[in-house]
Amino acid sequence: MDWCRGHVIGHGSSASVSVAVSNCSGDVFAVKSAELSQSGWLQKEGEILSTLDCPQIVAYKGCDSTTENNKIMFNLMMEYVKGGTIGDAIRKHGDHNRLQESMIIRYTKQIVKGLDYLHSIGIVHCDIKPSNILLAENGDVKIADFGCAKRLNKADDKVVIGGTPLFMAPEVVRGEEQSFPADIWALGCTLIEMATGRSSWSHLMTTTTSPTYVLYKIALSGESPNIPEFLSDQAKDFLDKCFRRDPKQRWASKQLMEHPFLKEFDAIDMKQSQEFDVTSPTSILDHEMWNSEEESVTSSSDSIIQECLDNSPMQRIKKLSMNSEVANWTWEESWVTIRTNESKTSRVGGDGGEKLIIRSSSVGYFNNNAGCYTSDSCSF
């Protein structure tokens, strides 16, 4: 494709997103670019995206490589969605950042449709959250950012865990598995954020709360996020189906499509429900999303690995924060996407916030503001 790159609308430590235009047709699209030598994760995202065809998923437009400023760049071309994200809509909306339940139903039903399509072809998104759901001008939603996505029928993907810690299901935080039910848990967390304007675990988060405590609650306590009392009974029941601690008991996307909560969608007057503002931002991706790219760093020594592996699950979780030099954790907008791969080393980067890195044998925190990184090699 003959195209011209426009201004940058998003960036991370190893990638950037630009507006672009086709020189032949004049069509506008988005280009996500990374240096070819560091683009393995982006090529994988493009491979997955190229096989998808669903109205609720951002469309693939192609890929190529270019030479720019003496660097060879890999470029992934995608549909340009200029309505911002659900995360943007939550932050901009009035009434304490809460979205009306009619809007929540509209968005949730489309997300479930997208997930049902993905799950039906064996793909787990692994990072469902408001900042990864794009809004078209007509209020339709598009699931984006497949950088953590994986095909369950590929043996080399089964041990890979990625996503955003506060949206992770208990079994994912424990490092056990990340399959279709994990997307459903994250969907529930997304719904709560739409309804409250806050994280689903916000009741645990204070300036004095330790990250160990929150990780423990998610992974091992047996508790689930608090379901807001002001929601309708049908919304509460829908969330109850998403937040089953046992992934085998969690409802599948196809079951959720038939839930009475989403059935209300057909009775909603769409003109009354379209109360969103899509005039800004112009980016298809928000700041959170582009603080999420990682590259590679040196892992811990063999002695630390063995010491951590000998510990109990609770001690392992405690280790995640004991070595951090951060005195006060900022919870709002701070824990962002993590990505992992089969390699033994990784490096984190970005513009701000804490990042939790989980591999089959490595866990660590990074705080960009403090400039410190700690890593414990273990599974929990």
Protein backbone atom coordinates (compact mmCIF):
# COMPACT_ATOMS: atom_id res chain seq x y z
CA MET A 1 0.00 0.00 0.00
CA ASP A 2 1.27 3.46 -0.92
CA TRP A 3 0.67 5.62 2.12
CA CYS A 4 1.83 8.70 3.99
CA ARG A 5 2.41 8.90 7.76
CA GLY A 6 0.79 11.75 9.65
CA HIS A 7 1.17 12.95 13.23
CA VAL A 8 1.77 10.61 16.17
CA ILE A 9 -1.34 9.94 18.25
CA GLY A 10 0.10 7.48 20.77
CA HIS A 11 3.41 5.97 21.81
CA GLY A 12 5.10 3.56 24.18
CA SER A 13 8.62 2.43 24.94
CA SER A 14 8.96 0.39 21.75
CA ALA A 15 6.08 1.44 19.49
CA SER A 16 4.14 4.45 18.27
CA VAL A 17 0.80 4.99 16.59
CA SER A 18 0.31 7.52 13.84
CA VAL A 19 -2.54 8.70 11.68
CA ALA A 20 -1.91 7.73 8.08
CA VAL A 21 -3.56 8.25 4.71
CA SER A 22 -3.57 6.16 1.56
CA ASN A 23 -2.06 8.06 -1.37
CA CYS A 24 -4.34 6.15 -3.74
CA SER A 25 -7.76 6.21 -2.08
CA GLY A 26 -7.34 8.97 0.50
CA ASP A 27 -8.60 6.63 3.21
CA VAL A 28 -7.45 7.44 6.74
CA PHE A 29 -6.18 4.65 8.98
CA ALA A 30 -3.92 4.14 11.99
CA VAL A 31 -0.39 2.73 11.84
CA LYS A 32 1.26 1.07 14.84
CA SER A 33 5.02 0.96 14.29
CA ALA A 34 8.08 -0.52 15.98
CA GLU A 35 11.67 -1.10 14.94
CA LEU A 36 11.83 -4.36 13.01
CA SER A 37 14.39 -5.85 15.39
CA GLN A 38 11.99 -5.29 18.31
CA SER A 39 8.70 -5.99 16.56
CA GLY A 40 8.13 -9.67 17.32
CA TRP A 41 5.17 -8.93 19.59
CA LEU A 42 3.73 -6.49 17.01
CA GLN A 43 4.07 -9.02 14.20
CA LYS A 44 2.25 -11.54 16.38
CA GLU A 45 -0.51 -9.01 17.04
CA GLY A 46 -0.80 -8.39 13.30
CA GLU A 47 -0.95 -12.12 12.57
CA ILE A 48 -3.88 -12.52 14.94
CA LEU A 49 -5.65 -9.35 13.84
CA SER A 50 -5.34 -10.31 10.16
CA THR A 51 -7.49 -13.41 10.74
CA LEU A 52 -10.36 -11.57 12.44
CA ASP A 53 -13.55 -10.32 10.83
CA CYS A 54 -16.08 -8.98 13.32
CA PRO A 55 -17.87 -5.61 13.61
CA GLN A 56 -16.93 -5.44 17.31
CA ILE A 57 -13.17 -5.75 16.65
CA VAL A 58 -10.89 -3.08 15.21
CA ALA A 59 -10.22 -3.98 11.57
CA TYR A 60 -6.87 -5.06 10.16
CA LYS A 61 -5.69 -3.00 7.16
CA GLY A 62 -2.38 -4.63 6.35
CA CYS A 63 1.29 -4.49 7.31
CA ASP A 64 4.60 -3.59 5.74
CA SER A 65 8.12 -2.41 6.52
CA THR A 66 9.65 0.97 5.79
CA THR A 67 13.01 2.65 6.25
CA GLU A 68 12.72 5.86 8.25
CA ASN A 69 15.56 7.85 9.82
CA ASN A 70 17.97 5.02 8.96
CA LYS A 71 15.81 2.52 10.85
CA ILE A 72 13.79 -0.36 9.44
CA MET A 73 10.26 -0.14 10.87
CA PHE A 74 7.54 -2.78 10.99
CA ASN A 75 4.11 -1.19 10.51
CA LEU A 76 0.73 -2.64 11.47
CA MET A 77 -2.16 -0.83 9.80
CA MET A 78 -5.53 -0.72 11.51
CA GLU A 79 -8.92 0.89 11.31
CA TYR A 80 -8.86 4.46 12.61
CA VAL A 81 -11.50 4.85 15.33
CA LYS A 82 -11.64 8.47 16.45
CA GLY A 83 -14.23 8.32 19.23
CA GLY A 84 -11.69 7.61 21.97
CA THR A 85 -12.12 4.73 24.41
CA ILE A 86 -14.67 3.70 27.00
CA GLY A 87 -12.04 4.78 29.51
CA ASP A 88 -12.19 8.28 28.03
CA ALA A 89 -15.99 8.24 28.19
CA ILE A 90 -15.90 7.25 31.86
CA ARG A 91 -13.51 10.07 32.74
CA LYS A 92 -15.41 12.69 30.78
CA HIS A 93 -18.89 11.71 31.90
CA GLY A 94 -20.69 13.57 34.66
CA ASP A 95 -22.37 12.20 37.80
CA HIS A 96 -19.12 11.08 39.41
CA ASN A 97 -17.90 9.47 36.15
CA ARG A 98 -20.70 6.93 36.12
CA LEU A 99 -22.25 5.85 32.84
CA GLN A 100 -25.99 5.31 32.73
CA GLU A 101 -27.04 1.68 32.86
CA SER A 102 -28.59 1.92 29.39
CA MET A 103 -25.17 2.89 28.00
CA ILE A 104 -23.48 0.15 30.01
CA ILE A 105 -25.87 -2.42 28.54
CA ARG A 106 -25.20 -1.13 25.03
CA TYR A 107 -21.43 -1.30 25.40
CA THR A 108 -21.39 -4.58 27.33
CA LYS A 109 -23.52 -6.42 24.79
CA GLN A 110 -21.16 -5.44 21.99
CA ILE A 111 -18.08 -6.41 23.99
CA VAL A 112 -19.65 -9.81 24.72
CA LYS A 113 -20.41 -10.23 21.02
CA GLY A 114 -16.78 -9.53 20.22
CA LEU A 115 -15.58 -11.94 22.90
CA ASP A 116 -17.97 -14.62 21.74
CA TYR A 117 -16.52 -14.33 18.25
CA LEU A 118 -12.94 -14.51 19.54
CA HIS A 119 -13.63 -17.45 21.84
CA SER A 120 -15.44 -19.34 19.08
CA ILE A 121 -12.23 -19.34 17.02
CA GLY A 122 -9.96 -20.18 19.94
CA ILE A 123 -8.55 -16.73 20.76
CA VAL A 124 -8.24 -15.23 24.26
CA HIS A 125 -7.86 -11.44 24.28
CA CYS A 126 -6.13 -11.40 27.72
CA ASP A 127 -6.43 -7.64 28.26
CA ILE A 128 -10.08 -6.55 28.24
CA LYS A 129 -10.44 -3.19 30.00
CA PRO A 130 -12.06 0.22 29.27
CA SER A 131 -8.93 1.69 27.69
CA ASN A 132 -8.81 -1.15 25.15
CA ILE A 133 -12.40 -0.69 23.98
CA LEU A 134 -12.66 1.95 21.25
CA LEU A 135 -15.80 3.97 20.53
CA ALA A 136 -16.92 4.69 16.99
CA GLU A 137 -18.76 7.91 16.21
CA ASN A 138 -22.12 6.13 16.24
CA GLY A 139 -21.47 4.70 19.71
CA ASP A 140 -20.55 1.21 18.55
CA VAL A 141 -17.56 -0.39 20.27
CA LYS A 142 -14.43 -2.00 18.86
CA ILE A 143 -12.16 -4.29 20.87
CA ALA A 144 -8.54 -3.25 20.31
CA ASP A 145 -4.96 -4.02 21.42
CA PHE A 146 -4.27 -7.68 20.69
CA GLY A 147 -0.70 -7.45 21.94
CA CYS A 148 -1.46 -9.92 24.75
CA ALA A 149 -3.87 -12.11 22.78
CA LYS A 150 -3.14 -15.78 22.18
CA ARG A 151 -4.52 -18.82 20.42
CA LEU A 152 -5.22 -21.63 22.84
CA ASN A 153 -4.50 -24.29 20.24
CA LYS A 154 -0.86 -23.21 20.03
CA ALA A 155 1.24 -25.12 22.54
CA ASP A 156 3.85 -22.36 22.82
CA ASP A 157 1.20 -19.88 23.98
CA LYS A 158 -0.24 -21.87 26.85
CA VAL A 159 2.30 -20.75 29.46
CA VAL A 160 2.21 -17.07 28.50
CA ILE A 161 0.38 -14.74 30.84
CA GLY A 162 -0.26 -11.07 30.14
CA GLY A 163 -2.73 -8.30 30.82
CA THR A 164 -3.48 -5.66 33.43
CA PRO A 165 -3.20 -6.88 37.04
CA LEU A 166 -6.37 -5.25 38.41
CA PHE A 167 -8.40 -6.86 35.60
CA MET A 168 -6.84 -10.31 35.99
CA ALA A 169 -8.86 -13.29 37.15
CA PRO A 170 -7.65 -15.12 40.29
CA GLU A 171 -6.27 -18.06 38.35
CA VAL A 172 -4.28 -15.67 36.14
CA VAL A 173 -2.72 -13.82 39.09
CA ARG A 174 -1.74 -17.19 40.53
CA GLY A 175 -0.04 -18.02 37.23
CA GLU A 176 -2.15 -21.13 36.63
CA GLU A 177 -3.94 -20.46 33.35
CA GLN A 178 -5.36 -17.73 31.14
CA SER A 179 -8.22 -19.02 29.05
CA PHE A 180 -11.66 -17.80 27.95
CA PRO A 181 -13.02 -17.42 31.51
CA ALA A 182 -10.27 -14.88 32.23
CA ASP A 183 -11.75 -12.57 29.57
CA ILE A 184 -15.16 -12.90 31.26
CA TRP A 185 -13.72 -11.87 34.65
CA ALA A 186 -12.09 -8.84 33.00
CA LEU A 187 -15.43 -8.02 31.37
CA GLY A 188 -17.01 -7.89 34.83
CA CYS A 189 -14.25 -5.56 36.04
CA THR A 190 -14.84 -3.36 33.00
CA LEU A 191 -18.58 -3.20 33.71
CA ILE A 192 -17.96 -2.12 37.31
CA GLU A 193 -15.63 0.63 36.13
CA MET A 194 -18.28 1.83 33.69
CA ALA A 195 -20.83 1.86 36.49
CA THR A 196 -18.70 3.49 39.20
CA GLY A 197 -15.88 5.30 37.44
CA ARG A 198 -13.43 3.37 39.63
CA SER A 199 -11.55 0.10 39.65
CA SER A 200 -13.43 -3.01 40.71
CA TRP A 201 -10.96 -3.34 43.61
CA SER A 202 -11.07 0.34 44.60
CA HIS A 203 -12.58 -0.52 48.00
CA LEU A 204 -9.20 -2.05 48.89
CA MET A 205 -7.08 0.81 47.61
CA THR A 206 -5.83 3.58 49.87
CA THR A 207 -2.56 5.47 50.09
CA THR A 208 -1.47 3.05 52.80
CA THR A 209 -2.65 -0.16 51.13
CA SER A 210 0.14 -2.47 50.08
CA PRO A 211 0.05 -4.02 46.60
CA THR A 212 0.73 -7.36 48.28
CA TYR A 213 -2.61 -7.10 50.04
CA VAL A 214 -4.55 -6.43 46.85
CA LEU A 215 -2.75 -9.22 44.97
CA TYR A 216 -3.51 -11.58 47.81
CA LYS A 217 -7.20 -10.64 47.73
CA ILE A 218 -7.39 -11.26 43.99
CA ALA A 219 -5.37 -14.47 43.97
CA LEU A 220 -6.00 -16.31 47.20
CA SER A 221 -8.63 -14.74 49.47
CA GLY A 222 -11.69 -16.31 47.88
CA GLU A 223 -13.26 -12.86 47.55
CA SER A 224 -14.63 -11.19 44.44
CA PRO A 225 -15.03 -7.50 43.57
CA ASN A 226 -17.87 -5.69 45.33
CA ILE A 227 -20.95 -5.37 43.13
CA PRO A 228 -22.47 -1.86 43.41
CA GLU A 229 -25.77 -1.83 45.25
CA PHE A 230 -27.31 0.82 42.97
CA LEU A 231 -27.19 -1.46 39.92
CA SER A 232 -30.32 -3.26 38.80
CA ASP A 233 -30.93 -6.83 39.96
CA GLN A 234 -30.26 -8.07 36.46
CA ALA A 235 -26.92 -6.22 36.31
CA LYS A 236 -25.95 -7.66 39.69
CA ASP A 237 -26.80 -11.18 38.55
CA PHE A 238 -24.82 -10.65 35.33
CA LEU A 239 -21.77 -9.62 37.36
CA ASP A 240 -22.23 -12.57 39.69
CA LYS A 241 -21.92 -14.85 36.66
CA CYS A 242 -18.70 -13.04 35.59
CA PHE A 243 -17.10 -13.16 39.05
CA ARG A 244 -17.30 -16.87 39.86
CA ARG A 245 -13.96 -17.63 41.48
CA ASP A 246 -13.85 -21.08 39.88
CA PRO A 247 -13.27 -20.46 36.14
CA LYS A 248 -15.24 -23.59 35.36
CA GLN A 249 -18.28 -22.04 37.02
CA ARG A 250 -17.94 -18.68 35.25
CA TRP A 251 -20.46 -18.14 32.49
CA ALA A 252 -19.22 -18.32 28.90
CA SER A 253 -19.77 -15.48 26.46
CA LYS A 254 -22.49 -17.40 24.63
CA GLN A 255 -24.42 -17.85 27.90
CA LEU A 256 -24.00 -14.17 28.77
CA MET A 257 -25.48 -13.19 25.42
CA GLU A 258 -28.75 -14.74 26.59
CA HIS A 259 -28.69 -13.12 30.04
CA PRO A 260 -31.74 -10.89 30.82
CA PHE A 261 -29.39 -7.95 31.50
CA LEU A 262 -28.29 -7.88 27.85
CA LYS A 263 -31.74 -8.73 26.59
CA GLU A 264 -32.77 -5.28 27.82
CA PHE A 265 -30.61 -3.86 25.04
CA ASP A 266 -33.30 -4.55 22.46
CA ALA A 267 -35.84 -2.49 24.41
CA ILE A 268 -33.63 0.58 24.83
CA ASP A 269 -34.39 3.67 22.78
CA MET A 270 -31.00 4.11 21.11
CA LYS A 271 -31.51 7.84 20.62
CA GLN A 272 -31.84 8.30 24.36
CA SER A 273 -28.84 6.10 25.15
CA GLN A 274 -26.36 7.90 22.90
CA GLU A 275 -25.22 10.50 25.40
CA PHE A 276 -21.52 10.15 24.80
CA ASP A 277 -19.08 12.78 23.51
CA VAL A 278 -16.93 11.59 20.62
CA THR A 279 -15.33 14.90 19.64
CA SER A 280 -12.16 14.23 21.64
CA PRO A 281 -9.59 12.85 22.00
CA THR A 282 -8.51 12.32 18.42
CA SER A 283 -6.35 9.34 19.35
CA ILE A 284 -7.61 5.83 18.75
CA LEU A 285 -5.74 4.84 21.89
CA ASP A 286 -5.42 6.60 25.21
CA HIS A 287 -2.35 7.33 27.32
CA GLU A 288 -2.79 4.25 29.50
CA MET A 289 -2.58 1.90 26.59
CA TRP A 290 0.72 3.29 25.34
CA ASN A 291 2.38 3.08 28.72
CA SER A 292 2.12 -0.67 28.33
CA GLU A 293 4.84 -1.77 25.92
CA GLU A 294 7.82 -3.62 27.31
CA GLU A 295 11.14 -4.73 26.04
CA SER A 296 13.72 -6.91 27.85
CA VAL A 297 15.75 -6.75 31.13
CA THR A 298 17.98 -9.12 33.01
CA SER A 299 16.14 -11.55 35.29
CA SER A 300 17.06 -12.45 38.88
CA SER A 301 19.94 -14.72 39.83
CA ASP A 302 19.54 -18.48 40.22
CA SER A 303 19.77 -18.20 44.01
CA ILE A 304 16.85 -15.76 44.18
CA ILE A 305 14.86 -17.98 41.80
CA GLN A 306 15.36 -21.01 44.05
CA GLU A 307 14.59 -19.04 47.22
CA CYS A 308 11.33 -17.75 45.78
CA LEU A 309 10.30 -21.16 44.47
CA ASP A 310 10.75 -22.59 47.97
CA ASN A 311 8.29 -20.10 49.47
CA SER A 312 4.58 -20.52 50.08
CA PRO A 313 2.09 -18.75 47.75
CA MET A 314 1.44 -16.01 50.30
CA GLN A 315 5.17 -15.44 50.83
CA ARG A 316 5.65 -15.27 47.08
CA ILE A 317 2.98 -12.60 46.78
CA LYS A 318 4.50 -10.70 49.68
CA LYS A 319 7.88 -10.73 47.93
CA LEU A 320 6.38 -8.82 45.03
CA SER A 321 6.23 -5.60 47.02
CA MET A 322 8.82 -5.97 49.80
CA ASN A 323 11.71 -5.04 47.52
CA SER A 324 9.97 -2.03 46.03
CA GLU A 325 11.33 1.36 47.01
CA VAL A 326 7.96 2.99 46.42
CA ALA A 327 6.57 4.34 49.69
CA ASN A 328 3.13 5.26 48.44
CA TRP A 329 1.40 3.55 45.56
CA THR A 330 -0.91 5.61 43.34
CA TRP A 331 -3.73 3.27 42.46
CA GLU A 332 -5.81 5.31 40.05
CA GLU A 333 -4.59 4.82 36.45
CA SER A 334 -1.33 3.26 37.67
CA TRP A 335 -1.35 -0.48 37.01
CA VAL A 336 -1.22 -0.92 33.27
CA THR A 337 -0.86 -3.62 30.66
CA ILE A 338 1.85 -6.22 30.96
CA ARG A 339 3.03 -8.47 28.19
CA THR A 340 5.17 -11.55 28.44
CA ASN A 341 6.79 -13.93 26.03
CA GLU A 342 8.73 -17.13 25.99
CA SER A 343 12.11 -15.44 26.38
CA LYS A 344 13.85 -15.47 29.74
CA THR A 345 14.52 -11.73 29.88
CA SER A 346 12.41 -8.61 29.54
CA ARG A 347 12.72 -4.89 30.02
CA VAL A 348 9.94 -2.56 31.03
CA GLY A 349 9.45 1.04 30.03
CA GLY A 350 6.89 3.77 29.53
CA ASP A 351 5.90 7.11 30.94
CA GLY A 352 4.47 6.30 34.38
CA GLY A 353 2.84 3.83 36.73
CA GLU A 354 3.60 0.46 38.23
CA LYS A 355 3.87 -2.58 36.01
CA LEU A 356 3.56 -6.17 37.14
CA ILE A 357 5.41 -8.63 34.93
CA ILE A 358 4.38 -12.27 35.14
CA ARG A 359 6.05 -15.11 33.29
CA SER A 360 5.89 -18.82 33.85
CA SER A 361 8.81 -18.28 36.22
CA SER A 362 9.19 -14.53 36.81
CA VAL A 363 7.27 -11.81 38.56
CA GLY A 364 8.30 -8.20 39.10
CA TYR A 365 7.18 -4.64 39.67
CA PHE A 366 8.35 -1.55 37.89
CA ASN A 367 7.68 1.99 38.98
CA ASN A 368 8.68 4.48 36.32
CA ASN A 369 8.23 7.50 38.56
CA ALA A 370 10.67 6.14 41.14
CA GLY A 371 12.95 4.65 38.51
CA CYS A 372 13.20 1.31 40.28
CA TYR A 373 12.58 -2.27 39.19
CA THR A 374 12.34 -5.39 41.31
CA SER A 375 11.94 -8.93 40.08
CA ASP A 376 11.27 -12.24 41.82
CA SER A 377 11.45 -15.33 39.69
CA CYS A 378 8.62 -17.55 40.80
CA SER A 379 5.15 -18.75 39.95
CA PHE A 380 2.25 -18.34 42.34
